C-alpha atoms as a PDB file:
ATOM      1  CA  UNK A   1     -19.542 -18.080  30.540  1.00  0.00           C
ATOM      2  CA  UNK A   2     -19.451 -14.524  29.222  1.00  0.00           C
ATOM      3  CA  UNK A   3     -16.398 -14.131  26.930  1.00  0.00           C
ATOM      4  CA  UNK A   4     -16.980 -10.520  25.729  1.00  0.00           C
ATOM      5  CA  UNK A   5     -18.272  -8.375  28.520  1.00  0.00           C
ATOM      6  CA  UNK A   6     -18.537  -5.207  26.352  1.00  0.00           C
ATOM      7  CA  UNK A   7     -21.034  -6.888  23.992  1.00  0.00           C
ATOM      8  CA  UNK A   8     -22.317  -9.664  26.375  1.00  0.00           C
ATOM      9  CA  UNK A   9     -21.322 -12.535  24.185  1.00  0.00           C
ATOM     10  CA  UNK A  10     -20.953 -15.952  25.749  1.00  0.00           C
ATOM     11  CA  UNK A  11     -18.916 -18.936  24.769  1.00  0.00           C
ATOM     12  CA  UNK A  12     -22.289 -20.750  23.839  1.00  0.00           C
ATOM     13  CA  UNK A  13     -23.082 -17.953  21.406  1.00  0.00           C
ATOM     14  CA  UNK A  14     -19.727 -18.282  19.798  1.00  0.00           C
ATOM     15  CA  UNK A  15     -19.991 -22.041  19.598  1.00  0.00           C
ATOM     16  CA  UNK A  16     -23.412 -21.792  18.021  1.00  0.00           C
ATOM     17  CA  UNK A  17     -22.195 -19.210  15.462  1.00  0.00           C
ATOM     18  CA  UNK A  18     -19.333 -21.731  14.524  1.00  0.00           C
ATOM     19  CA  UNK A  19     -21.801 -24.520  14.215  1.00  0.00           C
ATOM     20  CA  UNK A  20     -23.779 -22.310  11.740  1.00  0.00           C
ATOM     21  CA  UNK A  21     -20.699 -21.903   9.622  1.00  0.00           C
ATOM     22  CA  UNK A  22     -18.653 -18.992  10.794  1.00  0.00           C
ATOM     23  CA  UNK A  23     -15.046 -20.238  10.670  1.00  0.00           C
ATOM     24  CA  UNK A  24     -12.938 -17.058  11.035  1.00  0.00           C
ATOM     25  CA  UNK A  25     -12.306 -14.642  13.769  1.00  0.00           C
ATOM     26  CA  UNK A  26     -13.114 -11.862  11.428  1.00  0.00           C
ATOM     27  CA  UNK A  27     -16.585 -13.313  10.705  1.00  0.00           C
ATOM     28  CA  UNK A  28     -17.196 -13.652  14.556  1.00  0.00           C
ATOM     29  CA  UNK A  29     -16.004 -10.154  15.097  1.00  0.00           C
ATOM     30  CA  UNK A  30     -18.254  -8.770  12.428  1.00  0.00           C
ATOM     31  CA  UNK A  31     -21.334 -10.638  13.360  1.00  0.00           C
ATOM     32  CA  UNK A  32     -21.200 -10.740  17.139  1.00  0.00           C
ATOM     33  CA  UNK A  33     -19.101  -7.560  17.828  1.00  0.00           C
ATOM     34  CA  UNK A  34     -16.476  -9.456  19.884  1.00  0.00           C
ATOM     35  CA  UNK A  35     -13.144  -7.683  20.383  1.00  0.00           C
ATOM     36  CA  UNK A  36     -14.536  -4.397  18.838  1.00  0.00           C
ATOM     37  CA  UNK A  37     -14.602  -2.309  22.007  1.00  0.00           C
ATOM     38  CA  UNK A  38     -11.692  -2.987  24.345  1.00  0.00           C
ATOM     39  CA  UNK A  39     -10.205  -6.051  22.615  1.00  0.00           C
ATOM     40  CA  UNK A  40      -9.488  -7.863  25.886  1.00  0.00           C
ATOM     41  CA  UNK A  41     -11.537 -10.865  24.918  1.00  0.00           C
ATOM     42  CA  UNK A  42      -9.755 -11.631  21.682  1.00  0.00           C
ATOM     43  CA  UNK A  43      -7.631 -14.333  23.155  1.00  0.00           C
ATOM     44  CA  UNK A  44     -10.522 -15.942  24.828  1.00  0.00           C
ATOM     45  CA  UNK A  45     -12.598 -15.841  21.632  1.00  0.00           C
ATOM     46  CA  UNK A  46      -9.709 -17.472  19.780  1.00  0.00           C
ATOM     47  CA  UNK A  47      -9.463 -20.138  22.568  1.00  0.00           C
ATOM     48  CA  UNK A  48     -13.023 -21.023  22.084  1.00  0.00           C
ATOM     49  CA  UNK A  49     -12.576 -21.249  18.384  1.00  0.00           C
ATOM     50  CA  UNK A  50      -9.612 -23.638  18.996  1.00  0.00           C
ATOM     51  CA  UNK A  51     -11.644 -25.719  21.285  1.00  0.00           C
ATOM     52  CA  UNK A  52     -14.403 -26.016  18.766  1.00  0.00           C
ATOM     53  CA  UNK A  53     -12.043 -27.222  16.095  1.00  0.00           C
ATOM     54  CA  UNK A  54     -11.901 -24.327  13.680  1.00  0.00           C
ATOM     55  CA  UNK A  55      -8.398 -23.520  14.385  1.00  0.00           C
ATOM     56  CA  UNK A  56      -7.257 -24.913  11.068  1.00  0.00           C
ATOM     57  CA  UNK A  57      -9.422 -22.619   9.196  1.00  0.00           C
ATOM     58  CA  UNK A  58      -7.956 -19.185   9.739  1.00  0.00           C
ATOM     59  CA  UNK A  59      -8.575 -18.464  13.407  1.00  0.00           C
ATOM     60  CA  UNK A  60      -5.053 -17.216  13.821  1.00  0.00           C
ATOM     61  CA  UNK A  61      -4.013 -19.409  16.732  1.00  0.00           C
ATOM     62  CA  UNK A  62      -0.474 -20.575  16.256  1.00  0.00           C
ATOM     63  CA  UNK A  63      -0.328 -24.395  15.854  1.00  0.00           C
ATOM     64  CA  UNK A  64       3.315 -24.905  16.536  1.00  0.00           C
ATOM     65  CA  UNK A  65       5.483 -23.505  19.227  1.00  0.00           C
ATOM     66  CA  UNK A  66       6.722 -20.063  18.477  1.00  0.00           C
ATOM     67  CA  UNK A  67       9.996 -20.054  16.558  1.00  0.00           C
ATOM     68  CA  UNK A  68      12.585 -17.948  18.258  1.00  0.00           C
ATOM     69  CA  UNK A  69      14.498 -16.080  15.653  1.00  0.00           C
ATOM     70  CA  UNK A  70      18.238 -16.797  15.366  1.00  0.00           C
ATOM     71  CA  UNK A  71      20.300 -14.336  17.211  1.00  0.00           C
ATOM     72  CA  UNK A  72      23.359 -13.097  15.381  1.00  0.00           C
ATOM     73  CA  UNK A  73      26.093 -11.779  17.629  1.00  0.00           C
ATOM     74  CA  UNK A  74      27.128  -8.201  16.828  1.00  0.00           C
ATOM     75  CA  UNK A  75      30.709  -7.177  16.622  1.00  0.00           C
ATOM     76  CA  UNK A  76      31.799  -3.588  16.960  1.00  0.00           C
ATOM     77  CA  UNK A  77      34.968  -2.395  15.529  1.00  0.00           C
ATOM     78  CA  UNK A  78      37.005   0.791  16.692  1.00  0.00           C
ATOM     79  CA  UNK A  79      37.998   3.193  14.071  1.00  0.00           C
ATOM     80  CA  UNK A  80      41.536   4.541  14.580  1.00  0.00           C
ATOM     81  CA  UNK A  81      42.463   8.026  13.382  1.00  0.00           C
ATOM     82  CA  UNK A  82      44.904   8.155  10.597  1.00  0.00           C
END
């Protein structure tokens, strides 16, 4: 399946590059040109990387559920004229 339409890069090409030793998104982007034009394929490329087992080596895919930051309630005080 074509992952990057702009550069005509398939999932097979990405997997072959990973098998040859490319283990980061930056390397794939530099060598194959993925996500350099419109950028719409970045998530799909990262998905293929995760499926290929290179997620632990800098692919940028979060491994744990996103942590929601703690929300601190705001309190507004009125100033009274002296």
